[in-house]
Amino acid sequence: MQPRVVTLNVNGRQHRVALAPNVTLLQALRDLGYTDVKSGCEKGDCGACAVLLDGKAINSCLVLAWQAEGAEIVTDAGLGTMDNPHPIQEAFADAGAAQCGYCTPGMIISAKVLLDRNLHPTEDEIREAISGNLCRCTGYGQIIKAIQMAAERMQDAGSRMQEAGSKETGGER
């Protein structure tokens, strides 16, 4: 198979790489050094390799790298930094939602998609959102707590931003 040159936009960085047509996005990301994308089952069952592809959570083991050409790919590491973590990442740490940590990046990606569309999820909605992610260590209790905590923090941050905007415009519009 002849290599194909593709452009992968990962966490705001552009990579032009020559890849065989059968290379999965998971393999390409790992080869590029994105080790936060975990290789678990490699058949779409565990969610350890979940990334955002143009804002949608996908299992990168099920997508060929060339299919992601030109799309915006975001991994868990692309959501925040050690100095400025995303509220979901911070909540996972604060709630002790990572034991071995292998499922954590995929869980955070699934939580991000959920909280981007619903900042007031029920426990059942959280469970549904992470149903494609397997965790063999935590029993999911801390993970659910972390997502609830992140939702509350994101709601509070949104309220503070709304209040600040209201003060700048003189109150009502």
Protein backbone atom coordinates (compact mmCIF):
# COMPACT_ATOMS: atom_id res chain seq x y z
CA MET A 1 0.00 0.00 0.00
CA GLN A 2 1.33 3.39 -0.98
CA PRO A 3 1.54 5.98 1.79
CA ARG A 4 -0.83 8.90 1.57
CA VAL A 5 0.11 12.37 2.85
CA VAL A 6 -2.55 13.73 5.19
CA THR A 7 -2.85 16.81 7.36
CA LEU A 8 -3.98 16.16 10.92
CA ASN A 9 -4.92 19.17 13.05
CA VAL A 10 -4.44 18.04 16.64
CA ASN A 11 -4.87 20.28 19.68
CA GLY A 12 -4.22 23.35 17.56
CA ARG A 13 -1.10 21.93 15.88
CA GLN A 14 -0.92 20.90 12.26
CA HIS A 15 0.88 17.70 11.28
CA ARG A 16 1.55 16.61 7.69
CA VAL A 17 2.31 12.91 7.72
CA ALA A 18 2.64 10.13 5.19
CA LEU A 19 0.56 7.16 6.29
CA ALA A 20 -0.53 3.87 4.82
CA PRO A 21 -4.25 4.00 3.98
CA ASN A 22 -5.07 1.41 6.65
CA VAL A 23 -3.54 3.35 9.59
CA THR A 24 -6.14 4.23 12.19
CA LEU A 25 -6.40 7.66 13.72
CA LEU A 26 -5.45 6.03 17.03
CA GLN A 27 -2.19 4.69 15.58
CA ALA A 28 -1.39 8.01 13.90
CA LEU A 29 -2.02 10.01 17.08
CA ARG A 30 0.09 7.67 19.19
CA ASP A 31 2.89 7.81 16.59
CA LEU A 32 2.73 11.62 16.73
CA GLY A 33 3.25 11.48 20.51
CA TYR A 34 -0.32 11.97 21.74
CA THR A 35 -0.04 9.35 24.45
CA ASP A 36 -3.12 10.63 26.26
CA VAL A 37 -5.08 8.77 23.57
CA LYS A 38 -5.01 5.26 24.98
CA SER A 39 -4.98 2.05 23.00
CA GLY A 40 -7.41 -0.31 24.68
CA CYS A 41 -9.51 -2.82 22.80
CA GLU A 42 -8.86 -1.44 19.30
CA LYS A 43 -12.40 -2.41 18.26
CA GLY A 44 -14.54 0.42 19.63
CA ASP A 45 -15.72 -1.22 22.84
CA CYS A 46 -13.79 0.55 25.62
CA GLY A 47 -13.67 4.29 24.79
CA ALA A 48 -10.06 4.66 25.95
CA CYS A 49 -9.11 6.15 22.59
CA ALA A 50 -11.94 8.72 22.45
CA VAL A 51 -11.13 12.10 20.93
CA LEU A 52 -13.17 15.00 19.63
CA LEU A 53 -13.37 15.10 15.84
CA ASP A 54 -14.92 18.42 14.83
CA GLY A 55 -16.57 18.53 18.26
CA LYS A 56 -18.01 15.02 18.15
CA ALA A 57 -16.67 12.22 20.37
CA ILE A 58 -15.36 9.30 18.33
CA ASN A 59 -13.33 6.20 19.08
CA SER A 60 -10.13 6.88 17.18
CA CYS A 61 -9.52 3.15 16.74
CA LEU A 62 -12.52 2.99 14.40
CA VAL A 63 -11.53 5.87 12.13
CA LEU A 64 -8.84 5.73 9.48
CA ALA A 65 -6.39 8.61 9.81
CA TRP A 66 -7.07 9.88 6.28
CA GLN A 67 -10.77 10.25 7.21
CA ALA A 68 -9.76 12.90 9.75
CA GLU A 69 -7.77 14.95 7.26
CA GLY A 70 -8.40 18.65 7.76
CA ALA A 71 -10.76 18.08 10.69
CA GLU A 72 -10.16 19.57 14.13
CA ILE A 73 -8.99 16.81 16.47
CA VAL A 74 -8.91 17.46 20.21
CA THR A 75 -7.52 15.01 22.74
CA ASP A 76 -7.89 15.22 26.51
CA ALA A 77 -4.52 17.00 26.66
CA GLY A 78 -5.86 19.64 24.28
CA LEU A 79 -8.62 20.68 26.68
CA GLY A 80 -6.34 22.21 29.30
CA THR A 81 -2.86 22.34 30.75
CA MET A 82 -1.33 21.48 34.10
CA ASP A 83 -1.37 25.19 34.97
CA ASN A 84 -4.82 25.82 33.53
CA PRO A 85 -6.83 22.58 33.49
CA HIS A 86 -10.29 22.36 31.98
CA PRO A 87 -12.96 22.29 34.74
CA ILE A 88 -13.71 18.65 33.88
CA GLN A 89 -10.05 17.67 34.25
CA GLU A 90 -9.86 19.55 37.54
CA ALA A 91 -13.03 17.89 38.84
CA PHE A 92 -11.71 14.43 37.95
CA ALA A 93 -8.59 15.16 40.00
CA ASP A 94 -10.52 16.67 42.91
CA ALA A 95 -13.05 13.83 43.04
CA GLY A 96 -10.41 11.10 42.85
CA ALA A 97 -12.05 9.84 39.66
CA ALA A 98 -8.85 8.37 38.28
CA GLN A 99 -7.31 5.31 39.82
CA CYS A 100 -5.14 3.67 37.21
CA GLY A 101 -5.99 6.58 34.86
CA TYR A 102 -6.20 4.52 31.69
CA CYS A 103 -9.86 5.31 30.98
CA THR A 104 -9.68 8.90 32.21
CA PRO A 105 -8.88 10.71 28.94
CA GLY A 106 -11.77 9.00 27.15
CA MET A 107 -14.12 9.62 30.09
CA ILE A 108 -13.20 13.30 30.05
CA ILE A 109 -13.90 13.53 26.32
CA SER A 110 -17.33 11.92 26.82
CA ALA A 111 -18.06 14.24 29.74
CA LYS A 112 -17.08 17.27 27.65
CA VAL A 113 -19.53 16.37 24.91
CA LEU A 114 -22.29 15.90 27.49
CA LEU A 115 -21.60 19.15 29.34
CA ASP A 116 -21.26 21.13 26.12
CA ARG A 117 -24.89 20.33 25.36
CA ASN A 118 -26.32 19.99 28.89
CA LEU A 119 -24.89 21.71 31.96
CA HIS A 120 -27.62 20.23 34.17
CA PRO A 121 -27.39 16.48 33.51
CA THR A 122 -29.13 13.93 35.68
CA GLU A 123 -27.20 10.96 36.97
CA ASP A 124 -28.94 8.81 34.35
CA GLU A 125 -27.84 11.21 31.59
CA ILE A 126 -24.26 11.08 32.88
CA ARG A 127 -24.35 7.28 32.95
CA GLU A 128 -25.68 7.24 29.37
CA ALA A 129 -23.00 9.71 28.22
CA ILE A 130 -20.18 7.56 29.56
CA SER A 131 -21.77 4.23 28.63
CA GLY A 132 -19.22 3.77 25.83
CA ASN A 133 -16.31 4.08 28.25
CA LEU A 134 -15.15 1.15 30.34
CA CYS A 135 -13.47 1.54 33.72
CA ARG A 136 -12.25 -1.48 35.59
CA CYS A 137 -11.00 0.35 38.69
CA THR A 138 -13.43 2.93 40.06
CA GLY A 139 -16.89 1.43 39.90
CA TYR A 140 -17.92 4.71 38.22
CA GLY A 141 -19.00 6.40 41.48
CA GLN A 142 -16.17 8.92 41.55
CA ILE A 143 -16.44 9.48 37.79
CA ILE A 144 -20.13 10.39 38.07
CA LYS A 145 -19.34 12.62 41.05
CA ALA A 146 -16.57 14.33 39.06
CA ILE A 147 -18.88 15.05 36.13
CA GLN A 148 -21.54 16.44 38.49
CA MET A 149 -18.86 18.58 40.16
CA ALA A 150 -17.62 19.83 36.77
CA ALA A 151 -21.17 20.69 35.72
CA GLU A 152 -21.69 22.76 38.89
CA ARG A 153 -18.38 24.57 38.42
CA MET A 154 -19.14 25.30 34.77
CA GLN A 155 -22.62 26.57 35.72
CA ASP A 156 -21.06 28.84 38.36
CA ALA A 157 -18.46 30.12 35.90
CA GLY A 158 -21.21 30.83 33.36
CA SER A 159 -23.24 32.71 35.95
CA ARG A 160 -20.22 34.82 36.95
CA MET A 161 -19.54 35.65 33.29
CA GLN A 162 -23.20 36.58 32.78
CA GLU A 163 -23.13 38.82 35.87
CA ALA A 164 -19.92 40.52 34.71
CA GLY A 165 -21.43 41.12 31.27
CA SER A 166 -24.57 42.54 32.83
CA LYS A 167 -22.55 44.97 34.97
CA GLU A 168 -20.53 46.11 31.93
CA THR A 169 -23.67 46.87 29.93
CA GLY A 170 -25.38 48.64 32.81
CA GLY A 171 -27.75 45.85 33.78
CA GLU A 172 -30.68 45.22 31.50
CA ARG A 173 -30.62 45.29 27.75
